[in-house]
Every structure is written in structure tokens, then in C-alpha cells.
């Protein structure tokens, strides 16, 4: 082979190899974006707890996701304790609606201090109680209240508290779905000192349709429930309503409207049932 030809061949091979090693790879913007999305995608695309997350953290995440499905804390309280309230109604005859309404009111929908530290959902004081006790400011400073291991025991003690005391015996002569009679009777028997206590209970029963749990225990139909709840003195809150607008529409003052319904603030929600006249004396 001619010496010049050989040199030319060697140089050509070297140049081709060098060009091949420095060849640029062009990546489009679309490919770059897709690659970034893939790299940033979480292991679990269903927003569920990761498999390698500690169990207690998984429980917290699951609880948080579940709680977001409720419109407010009282709705969650009802969902948590409705079955217990219905079981108490089956055994002791106390309307589940009243038990739930009292629980919401007395416990701050499960978030009150006494409930959190003693599982006491009904504000029942010691009264010779032999079990656990806590001391909490109420009508007086550091009064003695009953303490329970679990919330279900508070519901059971509430049932026993009402059935074992003569002053409440008249309540058990009422119809089991007469939540209005029970609300008034509890106040008259001395369960609470707040003069608006019956109004507050009835407002909660009707706002959260707690009477439906009574009907479920009693095996009543939707028509039966409607008869129990019909009342021309009520107004259902609609979109855009305010207490002022509702009061003006029914020729009453805002303070009267709040008093009729046991309201302590101006907050109302769509679908909430409000009394626009004083509760009848025979409810």
C-alpha cells in the first residue's frame, strides 16, 4: 500500500471516530417536560399513604382525608356516634335525636375540654360517682365531673342517669320520636339551667335531621317523619340569606331570631332550619 494512502486512511478513521463521540443529542421541550413529570411523580398516585410509611402516620393521614368529607364538626360527631345513640334508644327509649343533640351541645361536638380529658359528653357531674373523676370549672370553680374510659360509656351513663331518676320519669310517657317534648321536658326537670336549652336542642335536631335516626329505630317511613317535622313557624336558610334578611322578612328582630333558635353568633348555613316565631308552649 502506498505510504500516502495509508496515512490518509488512518487520519480519516481518527476524524470519523472523534466526530461520532462528540455528536450532540437534541432533546425537545416536550421530552424534557415528560421526563420531569415522571421523575416528580409520587410512588402512590392515588393519594393514599405510602406503603413504607409508619402505621401511626398512615392512620393520621387516613383520618385527615376522612374528616374532609364532613361539612362541619357537628356532622362528623353525628357520623361517629349515631349508631351508639340508636342502640341506647332501642334499650332505654330515649330518642336518638335528643341524645345526639345533647352530645353536640354539651361536648362542643366532641371538642370541649371536659370531653377531651374525661370522655364526658353530657356534662354529668359526680353525684356520688365511684369511678374516675376530673375537676372542671362550670357553674362553680373546679366542680367534680365523671370520667369515662371510652365515649360509649358516657352514652350509657347518660341513659342510666335519665332512667334512674324520678324527675325524668315523665319524659318516658312521651312518644319516642317526640324530640320537642323531650327538649322541653329536660329543661323543666332541671337537666340544664339555660332558658334557651330546649330551643338549642330542637335547632340541632332539625338542622342535622337527627329525627331520621329516631325513625330508623322505630321503623317509620319518610311520610311519618314529615308529619313529625311539619311546622309553619320554621324557615329553611337559602343561598344569600343572612339573619338580618330573614328577620326582616318575618317582621322580627335579629335578636329575637337568635333567641328563638338558641344562636350565639350570626353564622348560619344553607339548609339550616330556623324558627321565625316563638316555640309553641305545648311543643
C-alpha atoms as a PDB file:
ATOM      1  CA  UNK A   1       0.000   0.000   0.000  1.00  0.00           C
ATOM      2  CA  UNK A   2       1.274   3.443  -0.897  1.00  0.00           C
ATOM      3  CA  UNK A   3       2.559   5.316   2.164  1.00  0.00           C
ATOM      4  CA  UNK A   4       0.344   8.373   1.413  1.00  0.00           C
ATOM      5  CA  UNK A   5      -2.733   6.256   1.053  1.00  0.00           C
ATOM      6  CA  UNK A   6      -2.034   4.581   4.375  1.00  0.00           C
ATOM      7  CA  UNK A   7      -1.624   7.922   6.185  1.00  0.00           C
ATOM      8  CA  UNK A   8      -4.837   9.254   4.607  1.00  0.00           C
ATOM      9  CA  UNK A   9      -6.751   6.138   5.736  1.00  0.00           C
ATOM     10  CA  UNK A  10      -5.515   6.452   9.333  1.00  0.00           C
ATOM     11  CA  UNK A  11      -6.355  10.151   9.546  1.00  0.00           C
ATOM     12  CA  UNK A  12      -9.850   9.604   8.099  1.00  0.00           C
ATOM     13  CA  UNK A  13     -10.630   6.858  10.607  1.00  0.00           C
ATOM     14  CA  UNK A  14      -9.485   9.037  13.506  1.00  0.00           C
ATOM     15  CA  UNK A  15     -11.578  12.013  12.402  1.00  0.00           C
ATOM     16  CA  UNK A  16     -14.739   9.914  11.979  1.00  0.00           C
ATOM     17  CA  UNK A  17     -14.359   8.421  15.451  1.00  0.00           C
ATOM     18  CA  UNK A  18     -13.896  11.859  17.030  1.00  0.00           C
ATOM     19  CA  UNK A  19     -16.992  13.291  15.358  1.00  0.00           C
ATOM     20  CA  UNK A  20     -19.092  10.332  16.469  1.00  0.00           C
ATOM     21  CA  UNK A  21     -18.109  10.732  20.132  1.00  0.00           C
ATOM     22  CA  UNK A  22     -18.989  14.454  20.172  1.00  0.00           C
ATOM     23  CA  UNK A  23     -22.340  14.135  18.432  1.00  0.00           C
ATOM     24  CA  UNK A  24     -24.980  16.201  20.331  1.00  0.00           C
ATOM     25  CA  UNK A  25     -28.232  14.581  21.492  1.00  0.00           C
ATOM     26  CA  UNK A  26     -31.099  17.037  20.982  1.00  0.00           C
ATOM     27  CA  UNK A  27     -33.986  16.763  23.475  1.00  0.00           C
ATOM     28  CA  UNK A  28     -37.229  18.559  22.695  1.00  0.00           C
ATOM     29  CA  UNK A  29     -39.025  20.669  25.317  1.00  0.00           C
ATOM     30  CA  UNK A  30     -41.885  18.155  25.341  1.00  0.00           C
ATOM     31  CA  UNK A  31     -39.497  15.292  26.136  1.00  0.00           C
ATOM     32  CA  UNK A  32     -37.865  17.365  28.913  1.00  0.00           C
ATOM     33  CA  UNK A  33     -41.265  18.116  30.473  1.00  0.00           C
ATOM     34  CA  UNK A  34     -42.365  14.481  30.310  1.00  0.00           C
ATOM     35  CA  UNK A  35     -39.107  13.381  31.904  1.00  0.00           C
ATOM     36  CA  UNK A  36     -39.536  15.928  34.727  1.00  0.00           C
ATOM     37  CA  UNK A  37     -43.146  14.860  35.433  1.00  0.00           C
ATOM     38  CA  UNK A  38     -42.111  11.220  35.570  1.00  0.00           C
ATOM     39  CA  UNK A  39     -39.280  11.960  37.975  1.00  0.00           C
ATOM     40  CA  UNK A  40     -41.506  14.026  40.284  1.00  0.00           C
ATOM     41  CA  UNK A  41     -44.465  11.608  40.294  1.00  0.00           C
ATOM     42  CA  UNK A  42     -45.052  10.215  43.840  1.00  0.00           C
ATOM     43  CA  UNK A  43     -44.828   6.488  44.391  1.00  0.00           C
ATOM     44  CA  UNK A  44     -48.533   6.283  45.165  1.00  0.00           C
ATOM     45  CA  UNK A  45     -50.544   8.242  42.590  1.00  0.00           C
ATOM     46  CA  UNK A  46     -53.867   7.602  44.389  1.00  0.00           C
ATOM     47  CA  UNK A  47     -53.015   9.984  47.265  1.00  0.00           C
ATOM     48  CA  UNK A  48     -53.046   7.104  49.706  1.00  0.00           C
ATOM     49  CA  UNK A  49     -50.469   6.622  52.467  1.00  0.00           C
ATOM     50  CA  UNK A  50     -47.155   5.177  51.231  1.00  0.00           C
ATOM     51  CA  UNK A  51     -46.583   1.511  51.925  1.00  0.00           C
ATOM     52  CA  UNK A  52     -43.336   2.263  53.736  1.00  0.00           C
ATOM     53  CA  UNK A  53     -44.914   4.963  55.984  1.00  0.00           C
ATOM     54  CA  UNK A  54     -45.161   4.069  59.696  1.00  0.00           C
ATOM     55  CA  UNK A  55     -48.612   2.758  60.660  1.00  0.00           C
ATOM     56  CA  UNK A  56     -49.387   5.615  63.080  1.00  0.00           C
ATOM     57  CA  UNK A  57     -48.686   8.199  60.371  1.00  0.00           C
ATOM     58  CA  UNK A  58     -50.841   6.272  57.886  1.00  0.00           C
ATOM     59  CA  UNK A  59     -53.686   6.382  60.422  1.00  0.00           C
ATOM     60  CA  UNK A  60     -53.312  10.159  60.786  1.00  0.00           C
ATOM     61  CA  UNK A  61     -53.348  10.657  57.014  1.00  0.00           C
ATOM     62  CA  UNK A  62     -56.399   8.424  56.575  1.00  0.00           C
ATOM     63  CA  UNK A  63     -58.186  10.248  59.399  1.00  0.00           C
ATOM     64  CA  UNK A  64     -57.435  13.641  57.830  1.00  0.00           C
ATOM     65  CA  UNK A  65     -58.748  12.542  54.420  1.00  0.00           C
ATOM     66  CA  UNK A  66     -61.912  11.131  56.034  1.00  0.00           C
ATOM     67  CA  UNK A  67     -62.604  14.254  58.084  1.00  0.00           C
ATOM     68  CA  UNK A  68     -62.570  16.445  54.985  1.00  0.00           C
ATOM     69  CA  UNK A  69     -65.758  14.737  53.775  1.00  0.00           C
ATOM     70  CA  UNK A  70     -67.814  16.319  56.582  1.00  0.00           C
ATOM     71  CA  UNK A  71     -69.121  19.867  56.210  1.00  0.00           C
ATOM     72  CA  UNK A  72     -68.537  20.695  59.883  1.00  0.00           C
ATOM     73  CA  UNK A  73     -67.521  19.158  63.201  1.00  0.00           C
ATOM     74  CA  UNK A  74     -71.124  18.501  64.276  1.00  0.00           C
ATOM     75  CA  UNK A  75     -71.765  16.423  61.144  1.00  0.00           C
ATOM     76  CA  UNK A  76     -68.714  14.336  61.957  1.00  0.00           C
ATOM     77  CA  UNK A  77     -69.900  13.959  65.555  1.00  0.00           C
ATOM     78  CA  UNK A  78     -73.236  12.607  64.338  1.00  0.00           C
ATOM     79  CA  UNK A  79     -71.493  10.187  61.980  1.00  0.00           C
ATOM     80  CA  UNK A  80     -69.248   8.956  64.807  1.00  0.00           C
ATOM     81  CA  UNK A  81     -71.948   8.437  67.449  1.00  0.00           C
ATOM     82  CA  UNK A  82     -75.272   7.876  65.654  1.00  0.00           C
ATOM     83  CA  UNK A  83     -75.068   4.088  65.975  1.00  0.00           C
ATOM     84  CA  UNK A  84     -74.394   4.314  69.711  1.00  0.00           C
ATOM     85  CA  UNK A  85     -77.302   6.751  70.181  1.00  0.00           C
ATOM     86  CA  UNK A  86     -79.670   4.453  68.267  1.00  0.00           C
ATOM     87  CA  UNK A  87     -78.613   1.460  70.351  1.00  0.00           C
ATOM     88  CA  UNK A  88     -79.295   3.429  73.534  1.00  0.00           C
ATOM     89  CA  UNK A  89     -82.730   4.312  72.152  1.00  0.00           C
ATOM     90  CA  UNK A  90     -83.508   0.638  71.487  1.00  0.00           C
ATOM     91  CA  UNK A  91     -82.582  -0.332  75.038  1.00  0.00           C
ATOM     92  CA  UNK A  92     -83.734   2.662  77.106  1.00  0.00           C
ATOM     93  CA  UNK A  93     -86.285   4.502  74.944  1.00  0.00           C
ATOM     94  CA  UNK A  94     -84.506   7.863  74.837  1.00  0.00           C
ATOM     95  CA  UNK A  95     -84.808   9.438  71.366  1.00  0.00           C
ATOM     96  CA  UNK A  96     -81.513   9.106  69.496  1.00  0.00           C
ATOM     97  CA  UNK A  97     -82.106  12.620  68.187  1.00  0.00           C
ATOM     98  CA  UNK A  98     -82.110  14.037  71.708  1.00  0.00           C
ATOM     99  CA  UNK A  99     -79.060  12.042  72.777  1.00  0.00           C
ATOM    100  CA  UNK A 100     -77.092  13.283  69.749  1.00  0.00           C
ATOM    101  CA  UNK A 101     -78.279  16.880  70.124  1.00  0.00           C
ATOM    102  CA  UNK A 102     -77.339  16.886  73.804  1.00  0.00           C
ATOM    103  CA  UNK A 103     -73.982  15.354  72.966  1.00  0.00           C
ATOM    104  CA  UNK A 104     -73.229  18.024  70.373  1.00  0.00           C
ATOM    105  CA  UNK A 105     -74.310  20.822  72.695  1.00  0.00           C
ATOM    106  CA  UNK A 106     -72.749  19.583  75.929  1.00  0.00           C
ATOM    107  CA  UNK A 107     -69.452  18.391  74.438  1.00  0.00           C
ATOM    108  CA  UNK A 108     -68.860  21.106  71.840  1.00  0.00           C
ATOM    109  CA  UNK A 109     -69.279  18.412  69.160  1.00  0.00           C
ATOM    110  CA  UNK A 110     -66.652  16.324  70.937  1.00  0.00           C
ATOM    111  CA  UNK A 111     -64.060  19.101  71.149  1.00  0.00           C
ATOM    112  CA  UNK A 112     -64.823  20.562  74.566  1.00  0.00           C
ATOM    113  CA  UNK A 113     -62.183  20.424  77.286  1.00  0.00           C
ATOM    114  CA  UNK A 114     -64.223  18.148  79.567  1.00  0.00           C
ATOM    115  CA  UNK A 115     -64.886  15.726  76.714  1.00  0.00           C
ATOM    116  CA  UNK A 116     -61.270  15.637  75.618  1.00  0.00           C
ATOM    117  CA  UNK A 117     -59.855  14.956  79.061  1.00  0.00           C
ATOM    118  CA  UNK A 118     -62.637  12.786  80.533  1.00  0.00           C
ATOM    119  CA  UNK A 119     -64.728  11.391  77.615  1.00  0.00           C
ATOM    120  CA  UNK A 120     -67.663  13.094  79.341  1.00  0.00           C
ATOM    121  CA  UNK A 121     -70.063  14.021  76.521  1.00  0.00           C
ATOM    122  CA  UNK A 122     -73.053  15.127  78.612  1.00  0.00           C
ATOM    123  CA  UNK A 123     -71.570  17.237  81.374  1.00  0.00           C
ATOM    124  CA  UNK A 124     -72.701  14.788  84.069  1.00  0.00           C
ATOM    125  CA  UNK A 125     -71.295  15.721  87.457  1.00  0.00           C
ATOM    126  CA  UNK A 126     -70.086  13.249  90.073  1.00  0.00           C
ATOM    127  CA  UNK A 127     -73.251  12.968  92.250  1.00  0.00           C
ATOM    128  CA  UNK A 128     -71.805  10.109  94.343  1.00  0.00           C
ATOM    129  CA  UNK A 129     -69.919   8.630  91.384  1.00  0.00           C
ATOM    130  CA  UNK A 130     -67.469   5.879  92.396  1.00  0.00           C
ATOM    131  CA  UNK A 131     -65.484   5.851  89.155  1.00  0.00           C
ATOM    132  CA  UNK A 132     -62.825   8.161  87.758  1.00  0.00           C
ATOM    133  CA  UNK A 133     -63.219  11.886  88.344  1.00  0.00           C
ATOM    134  CA  UNK A 134     -61.927  15.162  86.943  1.00  0.00           C
ATOM    135  CA  UNK A 135     -62.338  18.707  88.188  1.00  0.00           C
ATOM    136  CA  UNK A 136     -63.549  21.354  85.786  1.00  0.00           C
ATOM    137  CA  UNK A 137     -64.855  24.921  86.014  1.00  0.00           C
ATOM    138  CA  UNK A 138     -68.598  25.059  85.333  1.00  0.00           C
ATOM    139  CA  UNK A 139     -71.264  26.919  87.324  1.00  0.00           C
ATOM    140  CA  UNK A 140     -68.649  26.965  90.074  1.00  0.00           C
ATOM    141  CA  UNK A 141     -64.870  26.657  90.023  1.00  0.00           C
ATOM    142  CA  UNK A 142     -63.387  23.147  89.930  1.00  0.00           C
ATOM    143  CA  UNK A 143     -66.588  21.104  90.131  1.00  0.00           C
ATOM    144  CA  UNK A 144     -66.394  17.318  90.111  1.00  0.00           C
ATOM    145  CA  UNK A 145     -67.305  15.544  86.871  1.00  0.00           C
ATOM    146  CA  UNK A 146     -67.417  11.882  85.901  1.00  0.00           C
ATOM    147  CA  UNK A 147     -64.580  10.437  83.850  1.00  0.00           C
ATOM    148  CA  UNK A 148     -65.004   7.541  81.395  1.00  0.00           C
ATOM    149  CA  UNK A 149     -62.540   5.160  79.775  1.00  0.00           C
ATOM    150  CA  UNK A 150     -64.351   5.390  76.433  1.00  0.00           C
ATOM    151  CA  UNK A 151     -67.031   7.652  74.935  1.00  0.00           C
ATOM    152  CA  UNK A 152     -69.528   4.777  74.668  1.00  0.00           C
ATOM    153  CA  UNK A 153     -69.588   4.510  78.452  1.00  0.00           C
ATOM    154  CA  UNK A 154     -70.541   8.168  78.658  1.00  0.00           C
ATOM    155  CA  UNK A 155     -73.529   7.490  76.381  1.00  0.00           C
ATOM    156  CA  UNK A 156     -74.579   4.521  78.518  1.00  0.00           C
ATOM    157  CA  UNK A 157     -74.248   6.512  81.728  1.00  0.00           C
ATOM    158  CA  UNK A 158     -76.365   9.263  80.164  1.00  0.00           C
ATOM    159  CA  UNK A 159     -79.125   6.698  79.551  1.00  0.00           C
ATOM    160  CA  UNK A 160     -78.866   5.370  83.100  1.00  0.00           C
ATOM    161  CA  UNK A 161     -78.776   8.883  84.530  1.00  0.00           C
ATOM    162  CA  UNK A 162     -82.144   9.685  82.912  1.00  0.00           C
ATOM    163  CA  UNK A 163     -83.877   6.358  83.527  1.00  0.00           C
ATOM    164  CA  UNK A 164     -82.878   6.009  87.190  1.00  0.00           C
ATOM    165  CA  UNK A 165     -84.025   9.443  88.408  1.00  0.00           C
ATOM    166  CA  UNK A 166     -87.656  10.116  89.243  1.00  0.00           C
ATOM    167  CA  UNK A 167     -87.575  13.699  87.995  1.00  0.00           C
ATOM    168  CA  UNK A 168     -87.139  12.446  84.422  1.00  0.00           C
ATOM    169  CA  UNK A 169     -89.770   9.697  84.548  1.00  0.00           C
ATOM    170  CA  UNK A 170     -92.419  11.889  82.920  1.00  0.00           C
ATOM    171  CA  UNK A 171     -90.314  12.054  79.754  1.00  0.00           C
ATOM    172  CA  UNK A 172     -90.736   8.333  79.150  1.00  0.00           C
ATOM    173  CA  UNK A 173     -94.510   8.783  78.816  1.00  0.00           C
ATOM    174  CA  UNK A 174     -93.906  10.822  75.637  1.00  0.00           C
ATOM    175  CA  UNK A 175     -93.728   9.307  72.174  1.00  0.00           C
ATOM    176  CA  UNK A 176     -90.250   8.041  71.420  1.00  0.00           C
ATOM    177  CA  UNK A 177     -89.939  10.417  68.465  1.00  0.00           C
ATOM    178  CA  UNK A 178     -91.306  13.478  70.299  1.00  0.00           C
ATOM    179  CA  UNK A 179     -87.972  15.290  70.369  1.00  0.00           C
ATOM    180  CA  UNK A 180     -89.706  18.625  71.048  1.00  0.00           C
ATOM    181  CA  UNK A 181     -91.400  17.290  74.179  1.00  0.00           C
ATOM    182  CA  UNK A 182     -88.127  15.770  75.342  1.00  0.00           C
ATOM    183  CA  UNK A 183     -86.246  19.022  74.761  1.00  0.00           C
ATOM    184  CA  UNK A 184     -88.710  20.978  76.873  1.00  0.00           C
ATOM    185  CA  UNK A 185     -89.002  18.232  79.489  1.00  0.00           C
ATOM    186  CA  UNK A 186     -85.269  18.045  80.090  1.00  0.00           C
ATOM    187  CA  UNK A 187     -85.172  21.754  80.873  1.00  0.00           C
ATOM    188  CA  UNK A 188     -88.203  21.560  83.169  1.00  0.00           C
ATOM    189  CA  UNK A 189     -86.723  18.564  85.008  1.00  0.00           C
ATOM    190  CA  UNK A 190     -83.591  20.549  85.767  1.00  0.00           C
ATOM    191  CA  UNK A 191     -81.073  18.984  83.376  1.00  0.00           C
ATOM    192  CA  UNK A 192     -79.909  22.468  82.322  1.00  0.00           C
ATOM    193  CA  UNK A 193     -80.299  25.995  83.684  1.00  0.00           C
ATOM    194  CA  UNK A 194     -80.109  27.759  80.304  1.00  0.00           C
ATOM    195  CA  UNK A 195     -83.647  29.017  79.451  1.00  0.00           C
ATOM    196  CA  UNK A 196     -82.864  28.533  75.755  1.00  0.00           C
ATOM    197  CA  UNK A 197     -81.826  24.905  76.197  1.00  0.00           C
ATOM    198  CA  UNK A 198     -84.948  23.433  74.506  1.00  0.00           C
ATOM    199  CA  UNK A 199     -84.579  25.794  71.530  1.00  0.00           C
ATOM    200  CA  UNK A 200     -80.950  24.846  71.108  1.00  0.00           C
ATOM    201  CA  UNK A 201     -81.693  21.120  71.144  1.00  0.00           C
ATOM    202  CA  UNK A 202     -84.565  21.414  68.671  1.00  0.00           C
ATOM    203  CA  UNK A 203     -82.481  23.586  66.363  1.00  0.00           C
ATOM    204  CA  UNK A 204     -79.736  20.935  66.317  1.00  0.00           C
ATOM    205  CA  UNK A 205     -82.222  18.098  65.747  1.00  0.00           C
ATOM    206  CA  UNK A 206     -83.735  19.853  62.766  1.00  0.00           C
ATOM    207  CA  UNK A 207     -80.534  21.294  61.333  1.00  0.00           C
ATOM    208  CA  UNK A 208     -78.878  17.866  61.167  1.00  0.00           C
ATOM    209  CA  UNK A 209     -82.112  15.891  60.635  1.00  0.00           C
ATOM    210  CA  UNK A 210     -81.448  13.838  63.742  1.00  0.00           C
ATOM    211  CA  UNK A 211     -85.117  12.809  63.840  1.00  0.00           C
ATOM    212  CA  UNK A 212     -84.287  10.438  60.986  1.00  0.00           C
ATOM    213  CA  UNK A 213     -82.368   8.252  63.446  1.00  0.00           C
ATOM    214  CA  UNK A 214     -85.476   8.021  65.653  1.00  0.00           C
ATOM    215  CA  UNK A 215     -87.494   6.971  62.616  1.00  0.00           C
ATOM    216  CA  UNK A 216     -84.892   4.371  61.705  1.00  0.00           C
ATOM    217  CA  UNK A 217     -85.098   2.766  65.158  1.00  0.00           C
ATOM    218  CA  UNK A 218     -88.900   2.859  65.104  1.00  0.00           C
ATOM    219  CA  UNK A 219     -89.123   1.584  61.534  1.00  0.00           C
ATOM    220  CA  UNK A 220     -91.052   4.620  60.322  1.00  0.00           C
ATOM    221  CA  UNK A 221     -91.305   5.795  56.706  1.00  0.00           C
ATOM    222  CA  UNK A 222     -90.408   9.135  55.166  1.00  0.00           C
ATOM    223  CA  UNK A 223     -94.058  10.242  55.320  1.00  0.00           C
ATOM    224  CA  UNK A 224     -94.153   9.591  59.058  1.00  0.00           C
ATOM    225  CA  UNK A 225     -91.028  11.683  59.545  1.00  0.00           C
ATOM    226  CA  UNK A 226     -92.510  14.538  57.530  1.00  0.00           C
ATOM    227  CA  UNK A 227     -95.591  14.629  59.773  1.00  0.00           C
ATOM    228  CA  UNK A 228     -93.395  14.878  62.867  1.00  0.00           C
ATOM    229  CA  UNK A 229     -91.328  17.752  61.477  1.00  0.00           C
ATOM    230  CA  UNK A 230     -94.005  19.859  59.767  1.00  0.00           C
ATOM    231  CA  UNK A 231     -94.322  23.318  61.325  1.00  0.00           C
ATOM    232  CA  UNK A 232     -95.304  26.645  59.774  1.00  0.00           C
ATOM    233  CA  UNK A 233     -93.122  28.558  62.211  1.00  0.00           C
ATOM    234  CA  UNK A 234     -89.899  27.465  60.531  1.00  0.00           C
ATOM    235  CA  UNK A 235     -87.747  28.801  57.726  1.00  0.00           C
ATOM    236  CA  UNK A 236     -85.042  26.935  55.797  1.00  0.00           C
ATOM    237  CA  UNK A 237     -81.939  29.010  55.066  1.00  0.00           C
ATOM    238  CA  UNK A 238     -81.247  29.592  51.376  1.00  0.00           C
ATOM    239  CA  UNK A 239     -78.214  30.842  49.455  1.00  0.00           C
ATOM    240  CA  UNK A 240     -77.569  34.528  50.141  1.00  0.00           C
ATOM    241  CA  UNK A 241     -79.614  34.627  53.364  1.00  0.00           C
ATOM    242  CA  UNK A 242     -78.443  36.493  56.442  1.00  0.00           C
ATOM    243  CA  UNK A 243     -80.029  36.730  59.870  1.00  0.00           C
ATOM    244  CA  UNK A 244     -80.952  40.334  59.140  1.00  0.00           C
ATOM    245  CA  UNK A 245     -82.665  39.445  55.857  1.00  0.00           C
ATOM    246  CA  UNK A 246     -84.582  36.532  57.424  1.00  0.00           C
ATOM    247  CA  UNK A 247     -85.619  38.613  60.442  1.00  0.00           C
ATOM    248  CA  UNK A 248     -86.823  41.487  58.266  1.00  0.00           C
ATOM    249  CA  UNK A 249     -88.784  39.083  56.040  1.00  0.00           C
ATOM    250  CA  UNK A 250     -90.689  37.745  59.061  1.00  0.00           C
ATOM    251  CA  UNK A 251     -91.096  41.101  60.872  1.00  0.00           C
ATOM    252  CA  UNK A 252     -88.900  40.226  63.833  1.00  0.00           C
ATOM    253  CA  UNK A 253     -85.561  41.497  65.096  1.00  0.00           C
ATOM    254  CA  UNK A 254     -82.245  39.708  64.677  1.00  0.00           C
ATOM    255  CA  UNK A 255     -82.028  39.289  68.447  1.00  0.00           C
ATOM    256  CA  UNK A 256     -85.463  37.647  68.536  1.00  0.00           C
ATOM    257  CA  UNK A 257     -84.466  35.302  65.715  1.00  0.00           C
ATOM    258  CA  UNK A 258     -81.305  34.314  67.551  1.00  0.00           C
ATOM    259  CA  UNK A 259     -83.234  33.815  70.787  1.00  0.00           C
ATOM    260  CA  UNK A 260     -85.856  31.599  69.106  1.00  0.00           C
ATOM    261  CA  UNK A 261     -83.076  29.323  67.846  1.00  0.00           C
ATOM    262  CA  UNK A 262     -80.546  29.463  70.664  1.00  0.00           C
ATOM    263  CA  UNK A 263     -77.940  31.082  68.425  1.00  0.00           C
ATOM    264  CA  UNK A 264     -74.906  32.768  69.951  1.00  0.00           C
ATOM    265  CA  UNK A 265     -73.416  34.081  66.692  1.00  0.00           C
ATOM    266  CA  UNK A 266     -74.620  35.336  63.316  1.00  0.00           C
ATOM    267  CA  UNK A 267     -73.315  32.264  61.487  1.00  0.00           C
ATOM    268  CA  UNK A 268     -75.890  30.268  59.511  1.00  0.00           C
ATOM    269  CA  UNK A 269     -75.605  27.730  56.699  1.00  0.00           C
ATOM    270  CA  UNK A 270     -77.662  26.763  53.655  1.00  0.00           C
ATOM    271  CA  UNK A 271     -80.312  24.181  54.585  1.00  0.00           C
ATOM    272  CA  UNK A 272     -80.332  25.145  58.268  1.00  0.00           C
ATOM    273  CA  UNK A 273     -83.839  25.244  59.777  1.00  0.00           C
ATOM    274  CA  UNK A 274     -84.680  28.304  61.879  1.00  0.00           C
ATOM    275  CA  UNK A 275     -87.719  29.154  63.959  1.00  0.00           C
ATOM    276  CA  UNK A 276     -89.141  32.533  62.974  1.00  0.00           C
ATOM    277  CA  UNK A 277     -91.745  32.561  65.763  1.00  0.00           C
ATOM    278  CA  UNK A 278     -91.534  31.586  69.430  1.00  0.00           C
ATOM    279  CA  UNK A 279     -91.859  27.863  70.029  1.00  0.00           C
ATOM    280  CA  UNK A 280     -95.437  26.905  70.908  1.00  0.00           C
ATOM    281  CA  UNK A 281     -95.971  26.305  74.626  1.00  0.00           C
ATOM    282  CA  UNK A 282     -97.260  22.794  74.037  1.00  0.00           C
ATOM    283  CA  UNK A 283     -94.341  21.521  71.932  1.00  0.00           C
END
